[in-house]
Amino acid sequence: MIAISARDITRGFDHPNGRVEVLLGVDLDVSAGEVVTISGRSGSGKSALFAVLCGFDKPDAGTVEVCGAPLAAVPAWEDCAVLPQALGLAQELTLAENVALPLRLSRQTEPSRVDDLLAELGISELADRYPQEVSYGQQQRAALARAVSVHPRVLLADEPTAHLDHASVTAVLALLRRTAGEGTAVLIATHHDEVHDIADRRLSLTNGRIT
């Protein structure tokens, strides 16, 4: 089953020196249970594409569907979860409370889910700390735990290993692969070869188009 589908996505941005067209008719399908990675140089439009796919931004043209339905303006977290580069953790909540937030909002009750995810990512001892009290890499792992906590249909992860050491990268990749094994479509933007190694397909965003 196709979990997320994009058709003819175009997006440009106005700058003082003129308009820059970033996405030029992007087509993309990711199936449930599949891990797909996208590479591309900095500024190639990967983050812009992810913003459109998750509803954070509107394309100039084109359509996005999640499980056959048009993408809502703000899709439910269990439909399309995101690990953005700007992590967006709530500073007034502890790491554990941040991870639990999507579960609370969706009224899902899995008593051990938060503890299990924090343990899997090696940050159990930081559960009661606030984001500003831990490193960026530790915040990033907490944000990933938050993203997968509700077993989303689609997970969009933008550079999920960019600030991690080798042991943390191994844990993150294992969780991403396991998440796909549970039926989630996982789309990852990355520059790192070890991330591409866990993918079922590797794509490239070049000159505004997917190859």
Protein backbone atom coordinates (compact mmCIF):
# COMPACT_ATOMS: atom_id res chain seq x y z
CA MET A 1 0.00 0.00 0.00
CA ILE A 2 1.26 3.48 -0.86
CA ALA A 3 1.41 5.38 2.44
CA ILE A 4 2.47 8.78 1.09
CA SER A 5 2.28 10.00 -2.49
CA ALA A 6 3.34 13.32 -4.00
CA ARG A 7 2.54 14.40 -7.54
CA ASP A 8 4.07 17.25 -9.54
CA ILE A 9 5.13 19.26 -6.47
CA THR A 10 6.54 22.68 -7.32
CA ARG A 11 7.76 25.27 -4.81
CA GLY A 12 9.70 28.48 -5.13
CA PHE A 13 10.72 31.31 -2.84
CA ASP A 14 11.10 35.04 -3.38
CA HIS A 15 14.49 36.60 -2.63
CA PRO A 16 15.81 40.14 -3.08
CA ASN A 17 17.61 39.06 -6.26
CA GLY A 18 14.56 37.30 -7.70
CA ARG A 19 12.54 34.15 -7.29
CA VAL A 20 14.32 30.84 -6.70
CA GLU A 21 12.52 27.70 -7.87
CA VAL A 22 13.46 24.85 -5.52
CA LEU A 23 11.08 22.00 -6.43
CA LEU A 24 10.25 21.49 -10.09
CA GLY A 25 7.60 18.82 -10.45
CA VAL A 26 8.56 16.28 -7.79
CA ASP A 27 6.85 12.88 -7.91
CA LEU A 28 7.34 10.49 -5.00
CA ASP A 29 5.72 7.35 -3.57
CA VAL A 30 6.68 5.57 -0.34
CA SER A 31 4.96 2.33 0.65
CA ALA A 32 3.98 1.19 4.11
CA GLY A 33 6.91 -0.65 5.69
CA GLU A 34 9.46 0.86 3.31
CA VAL A 35 12.56 2.91 4.16
CA VAL A 36 13.49 5.43 1.47
CA THR A 37 16.41 7.86 1.72
CA ILE A 38 16.87 11.10 -0.20
CA SER A 39 20.26 12.69 -0.72
CA GLY A 40 21.19 16.00 -2.31
CA ARG A 41 23.57 18.86 -1.73
CA SER A 42 22.76 21.51 0.88
CA GLY A 43 20.13 23.84 -0.55
CA SER A 44 18.82 21.26 -3.00
CA GLY A 45 15.33 21.42 -1.48
CA LYS A 46 15.14 18.37 0.79
CA SER A 47 13.83 20.32 3.77
CA ALA A 48 11.47 22.28 1.53
CA LEU A 49 10.08 19.00 0.18
CA PHE A 50 9.61 17.58 3.68
CA ALA A 51 7.78 20.75 4.77
CA VAL A 52 5.33 20.27 1.90
CA LEU A 53 4.92 16.54 2.52
CA CYS A 54 3.97 17.02 6.18
CA GLY A 55 1.75 20.06 5.67
CA PHE A 56 4.08 22.61 7.28
CA ASP A 57 4.17 24.45 3.95
CA LYS A 58 1.94 24.63 0.88
CA PRO A 59 3.29 23.85 -2.59
CA ASP A 60 2.81 26.29 -5.44
CA ALA A 61 1.32 23.37 -7.36
CA GLY A 62 0.87 19.64 -6.95
CA THR A 63 -0.81 17.28 -4.51
CA VAL A 64 0.12 15.14 -1.51
CA GLU A 65 -1.88 12.15 -0.29
CA VAL A 66 -1.47 10.05 2.85
CA CYS A 67 -2.93 6.55 2.57
CA GLY A 68 -5.02 7.62 -0.40
CA ALA A 69 -6.55 10.71 1.22
CA PRO A 70 -5.57 14.35 0.52
CA LEU A 71 -3.12 15.70 3.05
CA ALA A 72 -4.92 17.81 5.64
CA ALA A 73 -3.55 21.28 6.37
CA VAL A 74 -2.30 19.97 9.73
CA PRO A 75 -2.36 16.16 9.59
CA ALA A 76 -2.70 14.15 12.77
CA TRP A 77 0.63 13.05 14.23
CA GLU A 78 -0.36 9.41 13.92
CA ASP A 79 -0.87 9.93 10.17
CA CYS A 80 2.33 11.87 9.44
CA ALA A 81 5.00 12.32 12.12
CA VAL A 82 8.06 14.50 11.63
CA LEU A 83 11.60 14.71 12.91
CA PRO A 84 12.60 18.16 11.62
CA GLN A 85 16.06 19.73 11.81
CA ALA A 86 14.54 22.40 14.06
CA LEU A 87 13.44 19.88 16.65
CA GLY A 88 10.58 21.82 18.19
CA LEU A 89 10.70 20.23 21.62
CA ALA A 90 8.55 22.03 24.18
CA GLN A 91 11.02 23.73 26.50
CA GLU A 92 8.64 23.66 29.47
CA LEU A 93 8.28 19.85 29.27
CA THR A 94 10.80 17.20 30.27
CA LEU A 95 12.15 14.85 27.63
CA ALA A 96 9.75 12.13 28.80
CA GLU A 97 6.82 14.54 28.69
CA ASN A 98 7.78 15.61 25.17
CA VAL A 99 7.85 12.00 24.01
CA ALA A 100 4.49 11.34 25.68
CA LEU A 101 2.78 14.40 24.22
CA PRO A 102 1.58 12.82 20.92
CA LEU A 103 0.28 9.83 22.90
CA ARG A 104 -1.71 12.13 25.16
CA LEU A 105 -3.09 14.16 22.28
CA SER A 106 -4.19 11.05 20.40
CA ARG A 107 -5.53 9.46 23.61
CA GLN A 108 -3.38 6.37 23.16
CA THR A 109 -2.52 4.46 26.32
CA GLU A 110 0.73 2.49 26.23
CA PRO A 111 2.14 2.74 29.76
CA SER A 112 5.65 1.55 28.89
CA ARG A 113 5.98 3.15 25.45
CA VAL A 114 7.86 6.27 26.55
CA ASP A 115 10.23 4.38 28.85
CA ASP A 116 10.93 1.78 26.18
CA LEU A 117 11.77 4.37 23.52
CA LEU A 118 14.02 6.40 25.82
CA ALA A 119 15.85 3.21 26.80
CA GLU A 120 16.25 2.08 23.20
CA LEU A 121 17.83 5.42 22.31
CA GLY A 122 20.10 5.49 25.36
CA ILE A 123 18.61 8.50 27.14
CA SER A 124 16.59 6.91 29.96
CA GLU A 125 18.65 8.69 32.59
CA LEU A 126 17.66 12.03 31.05
CA ALA A 127 13.89 11.42 31.15
CA ASP A 128 13.23 14.08 33.80
CA ARG A 129 15.52 16.74 32.34
CA TYR A 130 14.38 19.64 30.21
CA PRO A 131 15.61 20.11 26.62
CA GLN A 132 17.86 23.04 27.57
CA GLU A 133 19.62 20.80 30.12
CA VAL A 134 20.87 18.21 27.61
CA SER A 135 22.97 18.19 24.45
CA TYR A 136 21.54 18.78 20.99
CA GLY A 137 22.16 15.14 20.06
CA GLN A 138 20.21 14.00 23.11
CA GLN A 139 17.39 16.37 22.21
CA GLN A 140 17.42 14.92 18.69
CA ARG A 141 16.97 11.39 20.01
CA ALA A 142 14.11 12.54 22.23
CA ALA A 143 12.48 14.19 19.21
CA LEU A 144 12.77 10.93 17.27
CA ALA A 145 11.18 9.03 20.16
CA ARG A 146 8.35 11.59 20.14
CA ALA A 147 7.88 11.12 16.39
CA VAL A 148 7.53 7.34 16.51
CA SER A 149 5.64 7.11 19.81
CA VAL A 150 2.19 6.85 18.19
CA HIS A 151 3.17 4.31 15.48
CA PRO A 152 2.60 6.81 12.64
CA ARG A 153 1.60 5.78 9.15
CA VAL A 154 4.35 8.01 7.73
CA LEU A 155 7.58 9.21 9.34
CA LEU A 156 9.61 12.03 7.78
CA ALA A 157 13.09 12.28 9.31
CA ASP A 158 15.28 15.20 8.22
CA GLU A 159 18.97 14.45 8.91
CA PRO A 160 18.25 12.19 11.93
CA THR A 161 21.94 11.32 12.55
CA ALA A 162 23.54 14.70 11.92
CA HIS A 163 24.59 15.37 15.54
CA LEU A 164 25.18 11.87 16.89
CA ASP A 165 28.15 9.69 17.80
CA HIS A 166 28.57 6.21 16.37
CA ALA A 167 26.75 4.37 19.17
CA SER A 168 23.81 6.75 18.98
CA VAL A 169 23.66 6.45 15.18
CA THR A 170 23.45 2.66 15.52
CA ALA A 171 20.53 2.95 17.96
CA VAL A 172 18.69 5.47 15.78
CA LEU A 173 19.07 3.38 12.63
CA ALA A 174 17.84 0.27 14.44
CA LEU A 175 14.76 2.17 15.62
CA LEU A 176 14.04 3.55 12.15
CA ARG A 177 14.32 0.10 10.61
CA ARG A 178 12.11 -1.42 13.32
CA THR A 179 9.55 1.35 12.86
CA ALA A 180 9.32 0.46 9.17
CA GLY A 181 8.98 -3.20 10.12
CA GLU A 182 5.87 -2.26 12.11
CA GLY A 183 4.29 -0.83 8.95
CA THR A 184 5.35 2.82 8.91
CA ALA A 185 6.56 4.38 5.67
CA VAL A 186 9.90 6.00 6.56
CA LEU A 187 11.36 8.77 4.41
CA ILE A 188 14.78 10.09 5.45
CA ALA A 189 16.79 13.05 4.16
CA THR A 190 20.46 12.39 4.81
CA HIS A 191 24.06 12.89 3.70
CA HIS A 192 25.34 9.84 5.59
CA ASP A 193 26.19 6.55 3.90
CA GLU A 194 25.31 4.48 6.98
CA VAL A 195 21.74 5.77 6.74
CA HIS A 196 21.51 4.89 3.06
CA ASP A 197 22.70 1.37 3.97
CA ILE A 198 19.43 0.60 5.83
CA ALA A 199 17.22 1.86 2.98
CA ASP A 200 15.11 -0.18 0.60
CA ARG A 201 15.52 2.58 -1.99
CA ARG A 202 17.88 5.52 -2.33
CA LEU A 203 16.77 8.63 -4.20
CA SER A 204 18.47 11.92 -5.05
CA LEU A 205 17.03 15.42 -5.28
CA THR A 206 18.88 17.21 -8.05
CA ASN A 207 17.94 20.38 -9.91
CA GLY A 208 14.52 20.35 -8.29
CA ARG A 209 13.60 16.81 -9.29
CA ILE A 210 13.79 13.31 -7.80
CA THR A 211 16.05 10.78 -9.52
